[in-house]
Amino acid sequence: MKSTPLALVAGVLLLGSSAATNTASAQASTRAYREGPVMVVSYVRTKPGMFDRYMEYLNTGYKANLEAEKSAGIVTDYAIYTSDPRTPADHDIMLVVTYKNWGALDNLQDRTDAVANRVLQNTAQQRSQQFIDRGSMREVLGTRTYQQLYLK
């Protein structure tokens, strides 16, 4: 059988990609965990006397929007947690939104804007103004993204 340089290169590439795939599979199976959902956590500090008013807001538009996103399959869950602030600059509310995986965050704004437009019946510009208005009730201290890991 006669080998051409092109056939030889193709064979080497095939062998190399096969070895890389086998190595990746072997490494993945030796991990003590598997990857779970992704959670985006927003840390919020309510302004003095505004906790109940902010919770009222969360119980209306915020909840309606996230319930619609859940029905649309964009988010898998959401939760609100509270704790006593450790310092005057610490958060007192954590807003947690759970997504199936990292891929669920791809083009997220396009998908959530469509839901918000339908559910809240307002535009992105109106929502931006409402975000500014909520500044009188609270300060967003930051947001972090976490991934849950399940031990095998």
Protein backbone atom coordinates (compact mmCIF):
# COMPACT_ATOMS: atom_id res chain seq x y z
CA MET A 1 0.00 0.00 0.00
CA LYS A 2 1.36 3.37 -1.02
CA SER A 3 1.16 6.28 1.51
CA THR A 4 1.01 9.89 0.45
CA PRO A 5 2.26 12.73 2.65
CA LEU A 6 -1.33 13.99 2.97
CA ALA A 7 -2.57 10.60 4.19
CA LEU A 8 0.29 10.44 6.68
CA VAL A 9 -0.55 13.90 8.07
CA ALA A 10 -4.25 13.02 8.29
CA GLY A 11 -3.41 9.82 10.17
CA VAL A 12 -1.18 11.65 12.67
CA LEU A 13 -3.87 14.29 13.26
CA LEU A 14 -6.54 11.63 13.77
CA LEU A 15 -4.35 9.73 16.20
CA GLY A 16 -3.50 12.93 18.09
CA SER A 17 -7.13 14.05 18.41
CA SER A 18 -8.14 10.58 19.56
CA ALA A 19 -5.46 10.62 22.26
CA ALA A 20 -6.51 14.10 23.39
CA THR A 21 -10.15 13.01 23.62
CA ASN A 22 -9.24 9.92 25.61
CA THR A 23 -7.05 11.97 27.95
CA ALA A 24 -9.82 14.53 28.51
CA SER A 25 -12.35 11.76 29.21
CA ALA A 26 -10.01 10.07 31.64
CA GLN A 27 -9.36 13.34 33.47
CA ALA A 28 -13.06 14.20 33.68
CA SER A 29 -13.95 10.81 35.12
CA THR A 30 -11.32 11.08 37.87
CA ARG A 31 -12.76 14.27 39.33
CA ALA A 32 -14.42 13.90 42.71
CA TYR A 33 -17.29 16.14 41.64
CA ARG A 34 -19.63 17.02 38.80
CA GLU A 35 -20.69 20.50 37.80
CA GLY A 36 -24.11 21.77 38.82
CA PRO A 37 -26.17 24.89 38.26
CA VAL A 38 -24.82 28.44 38.11
CA MET A 39 -26.08 31.08 40.52
CA VAL A 40 -25.83 34.84 40.13
CA VAL A 41 -25.91 36.48 43.55
CA SER A 42 -26.54 40.21 43.99
CA TYR A 43 -25.60 41.75 47.33
CA VAL A 44 -27.94 44.56 48.34
CA ARG A 45 -27.92 46.99 51.25
CA THR A 46 -31.31 48.58 51.94
CA LYS A 47 -31.28 52.16 53.10
CA PRO A 48 -32.50 52.96 56.63
CA GLY A 49 -36.25 52.42 56.94
CA MET A 50 -36.57 51.05 53.38
CA PHE A 51 -36.37 47.27 53.93
CA ASP A 52 -40.15 46.66 53.84
CA ARG A 53 -40.66 49.01 50.90
CA TYR A 54 -37.92 47.22 48.94
CA MET A 55 -39.44 43.85 49.81
CA GLU A 56 -42.78 45.12 48.45
CA TYR A 57 -41.05 45.93 45.15
CA LEU A 58 -39.46 42.46 45.08
CA ASN A 59 -42.90 40.92 45.62
CA THR A 60 -44.33 42.69 42.55
CA GLY A 61 -42.34 43.37 39.36
CA TYR A 62 -39.22 41.46 40.38
CA LYS A 63 -41.18 38.32 41.25
CA ALA A 64 -43.47 38.55 38.20
CA ASN A 65 -40.48 38.90 35.88
CA LEU A 66 -38.57 35.97 37.40
CA GLU A 67 -41.66 33.75 37.40
CA ALA A 68 -42.06 34.50 33.68
CA GLU A 69 -38.36 33.76 33.06
CA LYS A 70 -38.79 30.50 34.95
CA SER A 71 -41.82 29.56 32.80
CA ALA A 72 -39.81 30.42 29.68
CA GLY A 73 -36.98 28.11 30.82
CA ILE A 74 -34.46 30.93 31.18
CA VAL A 75 -33.95 30.47 34.93
CA THR A 76 -34.45 27.36 37.01
CA ASP A 77 -35.06 29.08 40.33
CA TYR A 78 -34.63 32.26 42.35
CA ALA A 79 -34.45 33.09 46.04
CA ILE A 80 -34.09 35.99 48.43
CA TYR A 81 -32.00 35.72 51.59
CA THR A 82 -31.54 38.19 54.40
CA SER A 83 -29.01 38.46 57.18
CA ASP A 84 -27.85 40.93 59.75
CA PRO A 85 -25.12 43.12 58.29
CA ARG A 86 -21.75 42.57 59.98
CA THR A 87 -20.63 46.12 59.26
CA PRO A 88 -22.38 49.34 58.16
CA ALA A 89 -21.15 48.65 54.62
CA ASP A 90 -22.32 45.01 54.50
CA HIS A 91 -25.35 43.67 52.60
CA ASP A 92 -28.62 42.78 54.28
CA ILE A 93 -30.25 41.08 51.25
CA MET A 94 -28.94 38.56 48.74
CA LEU A 95 -30.87 38.08 45.51
CA VAL A 96 -30.04 34.70 43.97
CA VAL A 97 -31.00 33.65 40.44
CA THR A 98 -30.19 30.08 39.38
CA TYR A 99 -29.43 28.98 35.80
CA LYS A 100 -29.00 25.44 34.49
CA ASN A 101 -25.34 25.94 33.52
CA TRP A 102 -22.85 28.49 32.16
CA GLY A 103 -24.35 28.17 28.67
CA ALA A 104 -27.65 29.53 29.97
CA LEU A 105 -25.92 32.91 30.37
CA ASP A 106 -25.20 33.18 26.62
CA ASN A 107 -27.27 35.99 25.04
CA LEU A 108 -29.10 36.29 28.35
CA GLN A 109 -29.97 39.98 27.96
CA ASP A 110 -31.73 39.38 24.63
CA ARG A 111 -33.87 36.62 26.11
CA THR A 112 -34.68 38.39 29.38
CA ASP A 113 -35.51 41.70 27.68
CA ALA A 114 -38.16 39.98 25.58
CA VAL A 115 -39.75 38.46 28.70
CA ALA A 116 -39.59 41.72 30.66
CA ASN A 117 -41.14 43.69 27.79
CA ARG A 118 -44.08 41.26 27.76
CA VAL A 119 -44.55 40.80 31.51
CA LEU A 120 -43.79 44.27 32.82
CA GLN A 121 -45.21 46.00 29.75
CA ASN A 122 -42.46 48.61 29.66
CA THR A 123 -39.35 49.32 27.65
CA ALA A 124 -35.70 48.83 28.50
CA GLN A 125 -35.42 52.60 28.90
CA GLN A 126 -38.30 52.67 31.41
CA ARG A 127 -36.71 49.78 33.33
CA SER A 128 -33.43 51.71 33.48
CA GLN A 129 -35.26 54.64 35.05
CA GLN A 130 -36.99 52.33 37.52
CA PHE A 131 -33.58 50.91 38.47
CA ILE A 132 -32.40 54.44 39.20
CA ASP A 133 -35.58 55.11 41.22
CA ARG A 134 -34.96 52.00 43.35
CA GLY A 135 -31.68 53.65 44.33
CA SER A 136 -33.68 55.59 46.91
CA MET A 137 -34.47 52.28 48.65
CA ARG A 138 -31.25 50.35 48.30
CA GLU A 139 -27.67 50.16 47.10
CA VAL A 140 -26.37 47.24 45.05
CA LEU A 141 -22.99 46.43 46.56
CA GLY A 142 -21.96 43.93 43.90
CA THR A 143 -22.71 40.71 42.10
CA ARG A 144 -20.88 37.39 42.03
CA THR A 145 -21.43 34.27 39.99
CA TYR A 146 -21.04 30.85 41.58
CA GLN A 147 -21.30 27.28 40.34
CA GLN A 148 -22.53 24.49 42.55
CA LEU A 149 -20.42 21.35 42.57
CA TYR A 150 -21.84 17.94 43.46
CA LEU A 151 -19.55 15.41 45.09
CA LYS A 152 -19.71 12.02 43.44
